[in-house]
Amino acid sequence: MKKNQHVVPSGNQWAVKGEGNSIKTRITQTQSEAIDIARTIARKELSELVIHGKDGRIRQKNSYGNDPFPPKG
């Protein structure tokens, strides 16, 4: 099943979490480490990577095969 991968703050650390999951997939020391892990999963599952800032708000999205707005032409 394709699940969008979210990179979210987790205390002083960062977590990778599949959309809708209550359990975090991985916890890392840095946001960039979490992004790398989440990107790998999103590419494998052809889903979206959603990166949240320290405030929890979405700051960036990347699509790996599930683009709701594909380019025209």
C-alpha atoms as a PDB file:
ATOM      1  CA  MET A   1       0.000   0.000   0.000  1.00  0.00           C
ATOM      2  CA  LYS A   2       1.302   3.458  -0.909  1.00  0.00           C
ATOM      3  CA  LYS A   3       1.685   5.692   2.124  1.00  0.00           C
ATOM      4  CA  ASN A   4       2.951   9.218   1.979  1.00  0.00           C
ATOM      5  CA  GLN A   5       6.052   9.630   4.131  1.00  0.00           C
ATOM      6  CA  HIS A   6       6.188  12.505   6.612  1.00  0.00           C
ATOM      7  CA  VAL A   7       9.296  13.964   8.262  1.00  0.00           C
ATOM      8  CA  VAL A   8       8.130  15.424  11.572  1.00  0.00           C
ATOM      9  CA  PRO A   9       9.741  16.893  14.689  1.00  0.00           C
ATOM     10  CA  SER A  10       9.932  14.474  17.628  1.00  0.00           C
ATOM     11  CA  GLY A  11      11.161  16.284  20.732  1.00  0.00           C
ATOM     12  CA  ASN A  12      14.798  17.237  20.028  1.00  0.00           C
ATOM     13  CA  GLN A  13      14.939  14.703  17.210  1.00  0.00           C
ATOM     14  CA  TRP A  14      13.209  14.024  13.878  1.00  0.00           C
ATOM     15  CA  ALA A  15      10.952  11.155  12.880  1.00  0.00           C
ATOM     16  CA  VAL A  16       9.900   9.447   9.675  1.00  0.00           C
ATOM     17  CA  LYS A  17       6.250   8.447   9.807  1.00  0.00           C
ATOM     18  CA  GLY A  18       3.966   6.798   7.253  1.00  0.00           C
ATOM     19  CA  GLU A  19       0.730   8.716   6.743  1.00  0.00           C
ATOM     20  CA  GLY A  20      -1.982   7.398   9.057  1.00  0.00           C
ATOM     21  CA  ASN A  21       0.466   5.394  11.182  1.00  0.00           C
ATOM     22  CA  SER A  22       0.511   5.950  14.931  1.00  0.00           C
ATOM     23  CA  ILE A  23       4.019   4.474  15.247  1.00  0.00           C
ATOM     24  CA  LYS A  24       7.050   6.290  13.861  1.00  0.00           C
ATOM     25  CA  THR A  25       9.084   4.346  11.281  1.00  0.00           C
ATOM     26  CA  ARG A  26      12.458   5.806  12.321  1.00  0.00           C
ATOM     27  CA  ILE A  27      13.772   8.455  14.711  1.00  0.00           C
ATOM     28  CA  THR A  28      16.947  10.348  13.768  1.00  0.00           C
ATOM     29  CA  GLN A  29      19.155  13.058  15.238  1.00  0.00           C
ATOM     30  CA  THR A  30      18.867  15.412  12.246  1.00  0.00           C
ATOM     31  CA  GLN A  31      16.152  16.479   9.845  1.00  0.00           C
ATOM     32  CA  SER A  32      18.360  15.795   6.818  1.00  0.00           C
ATOM     33  CA  GLU A  33      18.920  12.197   7.951  1.00  0.00           C
ATOM     34  CA  ALA A  34      15.155  11.726   8.324  1.00  0.00           C
ATOM     35  CA  ILE A  35      14.575  13.274   4.880  1.00  0.00           C
ATOM     36  CA  ASP A  36      17.031  10.837   3.270  1.00  0.00           C
ATOM     37  CA  ILE A  37      15.274   7.843   4.844  1.00  0.00           C
ATOM     38  CA  ALA A  38      11.785   9.125   4.000  1.00  0.00           C
ATOM     39  CA  ARG A  39      12.833   9.921   0.406  1.00  0.00           C
ATOM     40  CA  THR A  40      14.083   6.352  -0.083  1.00  0.00           C
ATOM     41  CA  ILE A  41      10.785   4.928   1.196  1.00  0.00           C
ATOM     42  CA  ALA A  42       8.686   7.358  -0.880  1.00  0.00           C
ATOM     43  CA  ARG A  43      10.611   6.482  -4.061  1.00  0.00           C
ATOM     44  CA  LYS A  44      10.176   2.763  -3.412  1.00  0.00           C
ATOM     45  CA  GLU A  45       6.440   3.144  -2.749  1.00  0.00           C
ATOM     46  CA  LEU A  46       5.886   5.786  -5.485  1.00  0.00           C
ATOM     47  CA  SER A  47       4.316   8.088  -2.922  1.00  0.00           C
ATOM     48  CA  GLU A  48       4.794  11.613  -1.608  1.00  0.00           C
ATOM     49  CA  LEU A  49       7.458  12.974   0.728  1.00  0.00           C
ATOM     50  CA  VAL A  50       6.081  15.629   3.093  1.00  0.00           C
ATOM     51  CA  ILE A  51       8.619  17.608   5.111  1.00  0.00           C
ATOM     52  CA  HIS A  52       7.448  19.485   8.201  1.00  0.00           C
ATOM     53  CA  GLY A  53       9.333  22.292   9.943  1.00  0.00           C
ATOM     54  CA  LYS A  54      10.078  22.498  13.680  1.00  0.00           C
ATOM     55  CA  ASP A  55       6.677  24.140  14.149  1.00  0.00           C
ATOM     56  CA  GLY A  56       4.975  21.090  12.618  1.00  0.00           C
ATOM     57  CA  ARG A  57       3.735  22.969   9.547  1.00  0.00           C
ATOM     58  CA  ILE A  58       4.401  21.559   6.086  1.00  0.00           C
ATOM     59  CA  ARG A  59       7.356  23.337   4.490  1.00  0.00           C
ATOM     60  CA  GLN A  60       7.996  21.188   1.422  1.00  0.00           C
ATOM     61  CA  LYS A  61       6.484  18.338  -0.611  1.00  0.00           C
ATOM     62  CA  ASN A  62       8.053  16.079  -3.225  1.00  0.00           C
ATOM     63  CA  SER A  63       6.192  13.563  -5.355  1.00  0.00           C
ATOM     64  CA  TYR A  64       7.663  10.239  -6.440  1.00  0.00           C
ATOM     65  CA  GLY A  65       5.011   8.858  -8.781  1.00  0.00           C
ATOM     66  CA  ASN A  66       1.830  10.126  -7.158  1.00  0.00           C
ATOM     67  CA  ASP A  67       1.700  13.708  -8.431  1.00  0.00           C
ATOM     68  CA  PRO A  68      -1.870  15.067  -8.067  1.00  0.00           C
ATOM     69  CA  PHE A  69      -0.972  17.927 -10.461  1.00  0.00           C
ATOM     70  CA  PRO A  70       1.247  16.499 -13.226  1.00  0.00           C
ATOM     71  CA  PRO A  71       2.805  19.002 -15.630  1.00  0.00           C
ATOM     72  CA  LYS A  72       0.876  19.717 -18.819  1.00  0.00           C
ATOM     73  CA  GLY A  73       2.373  19.129 -22.257  1.00  0.00           C
END
